[in-house]
Amino acid sequence: MGVTPGQLIRDARARHGLSQERLARRAGTRQSAISRLERDELSPSVETLDLIMKAMGERLELSGRPLERDYDPLHRRAYA
């Protein structure tokens, strides 16, 4: 599994030498919300995660890639 949103926020905050309080002020939220996000107690929307990363001067990038195993056709029923 990849990096969680909490790890992404925590690592970026550490790189920039920001406290949770300082990041919260930049992002327009509370320190307790940043803390819960970093502990993965909250699952942020892509928009929220993008806003938090921008508050640290970073760009959020998402990507996709093919699965390493055969695709499960049962999951295709919704599109059939």
C-alpha atoms as a PDB file:
ATOM      1  CA  MET A   1       0.000   0.000   0.000  1.00  0.00           C
ATOM      2  CA  GLY A   2       1.120   3.560  -0.654  1.00  0.00           C
ATOM      3  CA  VAL A   3       1.514   6.566   1.550  1.00  0.00           C
ATOM      4  CA  THR A   4      -1.534   7.595   3.580  1.00  0.00           C
ATOM      5  CA  PRO A   5      -2.844  11.180   3.511  1.00  0.00           C
ATOM      6  CA  GLY A   6      -1.688  11.559   7.107  1.00  0.00           C
ATOM      7  CA  GLN A   7       1.856  10.499   6.262  1.00  0.00           C
ATOM      8  CA  LEU A   8       1.900  12.843   3.282  1.00  0.00           C
ATOM      9  CA  ILE A   9       0.843  15.816   5.429  1.00  0.00           C
ATOM     10  CA  ARG A  10       3.157  14.940   8.311  1.00  0.00           C
ATOM     11  CA  ASP A  11       6.204  14.443   6.049  1.00  0.00           C
ATOM     12  CA  ALA A  12       5.593  17.696   4.137  1.00  0.00           C
ATOM     13  CA  ARG A  13       5.045  19.617   7.384  1.00  0.00           C
ATOM     14  CA  ALA A  14       8.341  18.270   8.770  1.00  0.00           C
ATOM     15  CA  ARG A  15      10.193  19.217   5.549  1.00  0.00           C
ATOM     16  CA  HIS A  16       8.944  22.780   5.916  1.00  0.00           C
ATOM     17  CA  GLY A  17       9.616  22.981   9.658  1.00  0.00           C
ATOM     18  CA  LEU A  18       6.015  23.897  10.439  1.00  0.00           C
ATOM     19  CA  SER A  19       4.123  23.191  13.626  1.00  0.00           C
ATOM     20  CA  GLN A  20       0.613  21.788  13.386  1.00  0.00           C
ATOM     21  CA  GLU A  21      -0.675  25.118  14.703  1.00  0.00           C
ATOM     22  CA  ARG A  22       1.153  27.114  12.035  1.00  0.00           C
ATOM     23  CA  LEU A  23      -0.057  24.817   9.262  1.00  0.00           C
ATOM     24  CA  ALA A  24      -3.610  25.029  10.599  1.00  0.00           C
ATOM     25  CA  ARG A  25      -3.505  28.830  10.465  1.00  0.00           C
ATOM     26  CA  ARG A  26      -2.196  28.766   6.899  1.00  0.00           C
ATOM     27  CA  ALA A  27      -4.882  26.304   5.835  1.00  0.00           C
ATOM     28  CA  GLY A  28      -7.716  28.038   7.678  1.00  0.00           C
ATOM     29  CA  THR A  29      -8.454  25.234  10.103  1.00  0.00           C
ATOM     30  CA  ARG A  30      -7.649  24.160  13.669  1.00  0.00           C
ATOM     31  CA  GLN A  31      -4.581  22.398  15.022  1.00  0.00           C
ATOM     32  CA  SER A  32      -6.783  19.543  16.250  1.00  0.00           C
ATOM     33  CA  ALA A  33      -7.971  18.924  12.681  1.00  0.00           C
ATOM     34  CA  ILE A  34      -4.387  18.747  11.397  1.00  0.00           C
ATOM     35  CA  SER A  35      -3.528  16.344  14.215  1.00  0.00           C
ATOM     36  CA  ARG A  36      -6.451  14.060  13.370  1.00  0.00           C
ATOM     37  CA  LEU A  37      -5.561  14.144   9.677  1.00  0.00           C
ATOM     38  CA  GLU A  38      -1.946  13.250  10.406  1.00  0.00           C
ATOM     39  CA  ARG A  39      -3.061  10.294  12.541  1.00  0.00           C
ATOM     40  CA  ASP A  40      -5.389   9.190   9.706  1.00  0.00           C
ATOM     41  CA  GLU A  41      -8.391   9.521  12.005  1.00  0.00           C
ATOM     42  CA  LEU A  42     -10.012  11.692   9.326  1.00  0.00           C
ATOM     43  CA  SER A  43      -9.969  10.934   5.627  1.00  0.00           C
ATOM     44  CA  PRO A  44      -9.664  14.237   3.761  1.00  0.00           C
ATOM     45  CA  SER A  45     -11.257  14.872   0.395  1.00  0.00           C
ATOM     46  CA  VAL A  46      -8.862  15.434  -2.487  1.00  0.00           C
ATOM     47  CA  GLU A  47      -9.812  19.130  -2.346  1.00  0.00           C
ATOM     48  CA  THR A  48      -8.940  19.386   1.360  1.00  0.00           C
ATOM     49  CA  LEU A  49      -5.657  17.540   0.910  1.00  0.00           C
ATOM     50  CA  ASP A  50      -4.798  19.822  -2.022  1.00  0.00           C
ATOM     51  CA  LEU A  51      -5.559  22.916   0.085  1.00  0.00           C
ATOM     52  CA  ILE A  52      -3.344  21.696   2.941  1.00  0.00           C
ATOM     53  CA  MET A  53      -0.478  20.866   0.597  1.00  0.00           C
ATOM     54  CA  LYS A  54      -0.782  24.274  -1.100  1.00  0.00           C
ATOM     55  CA  ALA A  55      -0.649  25.908   2.346  1.00  0.00           C
ATOM     56  CA  MET A  56       2.854  24.389   2.576  1.00  0.00           C
ATOM     57  CA  GLY A  57       3.829  25.448  -0.936  1.00  0.00           C
ATOM     58  CA  GLU A  58       3.494  21.950  -2.380  1.00  0.00           C
ATOM     59  CA  ARG A  59       1.451  20.559  -5.246  1.00  0.00           C
ATOM     60  CA  LEU A  60      -0.658  17.435  -4.786  1.00  0.00           C
ATOM     61  CA  GLU A  61      -0.240  14.948  -7.620  1.00  0.00           C
ATOM     62  CA  LEU A  62      -2.384  11.861  -8.109  1.00  0.00           C
ATOM     63  CA  SER A  63      -1.728   9.139 -10.633  1.00  0.00           C
ATOM     64  CA  GLY A  64      -3.050   5.782 -11.680  1.00  0.00           C
ATOM     65  CA  ARG A  65      -1.445   2.679 -13.067  1.00  0.00           C
ATOM     66  CA  PRO A  66      -2.552  -0.790 -14.120  1.00  0.00           C
ATOM     67  CA  LEU A  67      -3.027  -3.450 -11.462  1.00  0.00           C
ATOM     68  CA  GLU A  68      -0.225  -5.967 -11.165  1.00  0.00           C
ATOM     69  CA  ARG A  69      -2.682  -8.892 -11.265  1.00  0.00           C
ATOM     70  CA  ASP A  70      -5.593  -9.802 -13.499  1.00  0.00           C
ATOM     71  CA  TYR A  71      -8.520  -7.407 -13.256  1.00  0.00           C
ATOM     72  CA  ASP A  72     -11.528  -8.856 -11.399  1.00  0.00           C
ATOM     73  CA  PRO A  73     -14.441  -8.794 -13.888  1.00  0.00           C
ATOM     74  CA  LEU A  74     -16.991  -8.777 -11.024  1.00  0.00           C
ATOM     75  CA  HIS A  75     -16.078  -5.155 -10.391  1.00  0.00           C
ATOM     76  CA  ARG A  76     -17.023  -4.290 -13.975  1.00  0.00           C
ATOM     77  CA  ARG A  77     -20.711  -5.153 -13.529  1.00  0.00           C
ATOM     78  CA  ALA A  78     -21.622  -1.552 -12.713  1.00  0.00           C
ATOM     79  CA  TYR A  79     -20.326  -0.490 -16.126  1.00  0.00           C
ATOM     80  CA  ALA A  80     -21.789  -3.341 -18.176  1.00  0.00           C
END
